[in-house]
C-alpha atoms as a PDB file:
ATOM      1  CA  UNK A   1       7.598  -2.336 -12.754  1.00  0.00           C
ATOM      2  CA  UNK A   2       3.876  -2.041 -11.980  1.00  0.00           C
ATOM      3  CA  UNK A   3       1.904   0.769 -10.406  1.00  0.00           C
ATOM      4  CA  UNK A   4      -1.475   0.531  -8.769  1.00  0.00           C
ATOM      5  CA  UNK A   5      -3.427   3.734  -8.229  1.00  0.00           C
ATOM      6  CA  UNK A   6      -6.138   3.751  -5.645  1.00  0.00           C
ATOM      7  CA  UNK A   7      -8.460   6.199  -3.964  1.00  0.00           C
ATOM      8  CA  UNK A   8      -9.221   5.288  -0.403  1.00  0.00           C
ATOM      9  CA  UNK A   9     -12.953   4.406   0.012  1.00  0.00           C
ATOM     10  CA  UNK A  10     -13.070   3.346   3.672  1.00  0.00           C
ATOM     11  CA  UNK A  11     -14.711   6.116   5.768  1.00  0.00           C
ATOM     12  CA  UNK A  12     -12.059   5.616   8.468  1.00  0.00           C
ATOM     13  CA  UNK A  13      -9.184   5.841   6.032  1.00  0.00           C
ATOM     14  CA  UNK A  14      -6.092   3.638   6.652  1.00  0.00           C
ATOM     15  CA  UNK A  15      -6.171   2.924  10.372  1.00  0.00           C
ATOM     16  CA  UNK A  16      -4.386   0.180  12.266  1.00  0.00           C
ATOM     17  CA  UNK A  17      -6.312  -2.873  10.892  1.00  0.00           C
ATOM     18  CA  UNK A  18      -6.103  -2.143   7.156  1.00  0.00           C
ATOM     19  CA  UNK A  19      -2.547  -0.934   7.535  1.00  0.00           C
ATOM     20  CA  UNK A  20      -1.525  -4.192   9.191  1.00  0.00           C
ATOM     21  CA  UNK A  21      -3.175  -6.157   6.454  1.00  0.00           C
ATOM     22  CA  UNK A  22      -1.475  -4.184   3.677  1.00  0.00           C
ATOM     23  CA  UNK A  23       1.888  -4.497   5.377  1.00  0.00           C
ATOM     24  CA  UNK A  24       1.445  -8.236   6.030  1.00  0.00           C
ATOM     25  CA  UNK A  25       0.468  -8.804   2.510  1.00  0.00           C
ATOM     26  CA  UNK A  26       3.390  -6.782   1.058  1.00  0.00           C
ATOM     27  CA  UNK A  27       5.869  -8.467   3.339  1.00  0.00           C
ATOM     28  CA  UNK A  28       5.081 -11.833   1.775  1.00  0.00           C
ATOM     29  CA  UNK A  29       6.643 -10.882  -1.478  1.00  0.00           C
ATOM     30  CA  UNK A  30      10.335 -10.391  -2.531  1.00  0.00           C
ATOM     31  CA  UNK A  31       9.508  -7.392  -4.730  1.00  0.00           C
ATOM     32  CA  UNK A  32      10.254  -3.822  -3.642  1.00  0.00           C
ATOM     33  CA  UNK A  33       6.916  -2.298  -2.835  1.00  0.00           C
ATOM     34  CA  UNK A  34       6.538   1.411  -2.204  1.00  0.00           C
ATOM     35  CA  UNK A  35       3.524   3.567  -1.508  1.00  0.00           C
ATOM     36  CA  UNK A  36       3.382   7.229  -2.555  1.00  0.00           C
ATOM     37  CA  UNK A  37       0.783   9.623  -1.140  1.00  0.00           C
ATOM     38  CA  UNK A  38       0.707  13.238  -0.037  1.00  0.00           C
ATOM     39  CA  UNK A  39       4.060  13.851  -1.710  1.00  0.00           C
ATOM     40  CA  UNK A  40       5.831  11.229   0.372  1.00  0.00           C
ATOM     41  CA  UNK A  41       7.027   7.742  -0.383  1.00  0.00           C
ATOM     42  CA  UNK A  42       7.261   4.947   2.091  1.00  0.00           C
ATOM     43  CA  UNK A  43       7.971   1.180   2.058  1.00  0.00           C
ATOM     44  CA  UNK A  44       4.754  -0.699   2.088  1.00  0.00           C
ATOM     45  CA  UNK A  45       6.572  -3.251   4.263  1.00  0.00           C
ATOM     46  CA  UNK A  46       6.803  -0.749   7.131  1.00  0.00           C
ATOM     47  CA  UNK A  47       3.677  -0.231   9.176  1.00  0.00           C
ATOM     48  CA  UNK A  48       5.262   2.756  10.867  1.00  0.00           C
ATOM     49  CA  UNK A  49       5.970   4.363   7.495  1.00  0.00           C
ATOM     50  CA  UNK A  50       2.450   3.709   6.336  1.00  0.00           C
ATOM     51  CA  UNK A  51       0.783   5.045   9.532  1.00  0.00           C
ATOM     52  CA  UNK A  52       2.805   8.253   9.464  1.00  0.00           C
ATOM     53  CA  UNK A  53       1.047   9.270   6.186  1.00  0.00           C
ATOM     54  CA  UNK A  54      -2.277   9.613   7.915  1.00  0.00           C
ATOM     55  CA  UNK A  55      -4.299   8.579   4.905  1.00  0.00           C
ATOM     56  CA  UNK A  56      -8.010   9.495   5.037  1.00  0.00           C
ATOM     57  CA  UNK A  57     -11.035   8.727   2.865  1.00  0.00           C
ATOM     58  CA  UNK A  58     -10.665  10.166  -0.615  1.00  0.00           C
ATOM     59  CA  UNK A  59      -6.833  10.320  -0.491  1.00  0.00           C
ATOM     60  CA  UNK A  60      -5.056   9.005  -3.539  1.00  0.00           C
ATOM     61  CA  UNK A  61      -2.186   6.677  -3.345  1.00  0.00           C
ATOM     62  CA  UNK A  62       0.107   4.975  -5.806  1.00  0.00           C
ATOM     63  CA  UNK A  63       1.696   1.637  -5.120  1.00  0.00           C
ATOM     64  CA  UNK A  64       4.816   0.821  -7.097  1.00  0.00           C
ATOM     65  CA  UNK A  65       6.048  -2.747  -7.273  1.00  0.00           C
ATOM     66  CA  UNK A  66       9.342  -3.763  -8.705  1.00  0.00           C
ATOM     67  CA  UNK A  67      10.798  -7.266  -8.570  1.00  0.00           C
ATOM     68  CA  UNK A  68      10.417 -10.941  -9.496  1.00  0.00           C
ATOM     69  CA  UNK A  69       6.911 -11.460  -8.161  1.00  0.00           C
ATOM     70  CA  UNK A  70       5.469  -8.079  -8.703  1.00  0.00           C
ATOM     71  CA  UNK A  71       2.430  -9.381 -10.759  1.00  0.00           C
ATOM     72  CA  UNK A  72       1.416 -11.634  -7.912  1.00  0.00           C
ATOM     73  CA  UNK A  73       1.997  -8.958  -5.336  1.00  0.00           C
ATOM     74  CA  UNK A  74      -0.105  -6.418  -7.255  1.00  0.00           C
ATOM     75  CA  UNK A  75      -2.979  -8.925  -7.465  1.00  0.00           C
ATOM     76  CA  UNK A  76      -2.711  -9.647  -3.756  1.00  0.00           C
ATOM     77  CA  UNK A  77      -2.578  -5.991  -2.695  1.00  0.00           C
ATOM     78  CA  UNK A  78      -5.462  -5.003  -4.981  1.00  0.00           C
ATOM     79  CA  UNK A  79      -7.608  -7.619  -3.237  1.00  0.00           C
ATOM     80  CA  UNK A  80      -6.948  -6.032   0.225  1.00  0.00           C
ATOM     81  CA  UNK A  81      -7.039  -2.284  -0.606  1.00  0.00           C
ATOM     82  CA  UNK A  82      -9.556  -0.424   1.582  1.00  0.00           C
END
């Protein structure tokens, strides 16, 4: 199991475009990938779940990866984080 901690830098937060990119990237891996922010946890493979969090600039999020390709998934997600 791996965890990525990230503070959102984008002044617009996580809006449709970066959310779509994160979900598309996560969906390409077999591992279970979950995002925790603001006291809630959602699947990072669900755009609806991600958008309901309303993440803004400065919000902290933790992405937990668990599965056979978690290292590759962590690397790919780190590359697209806003």
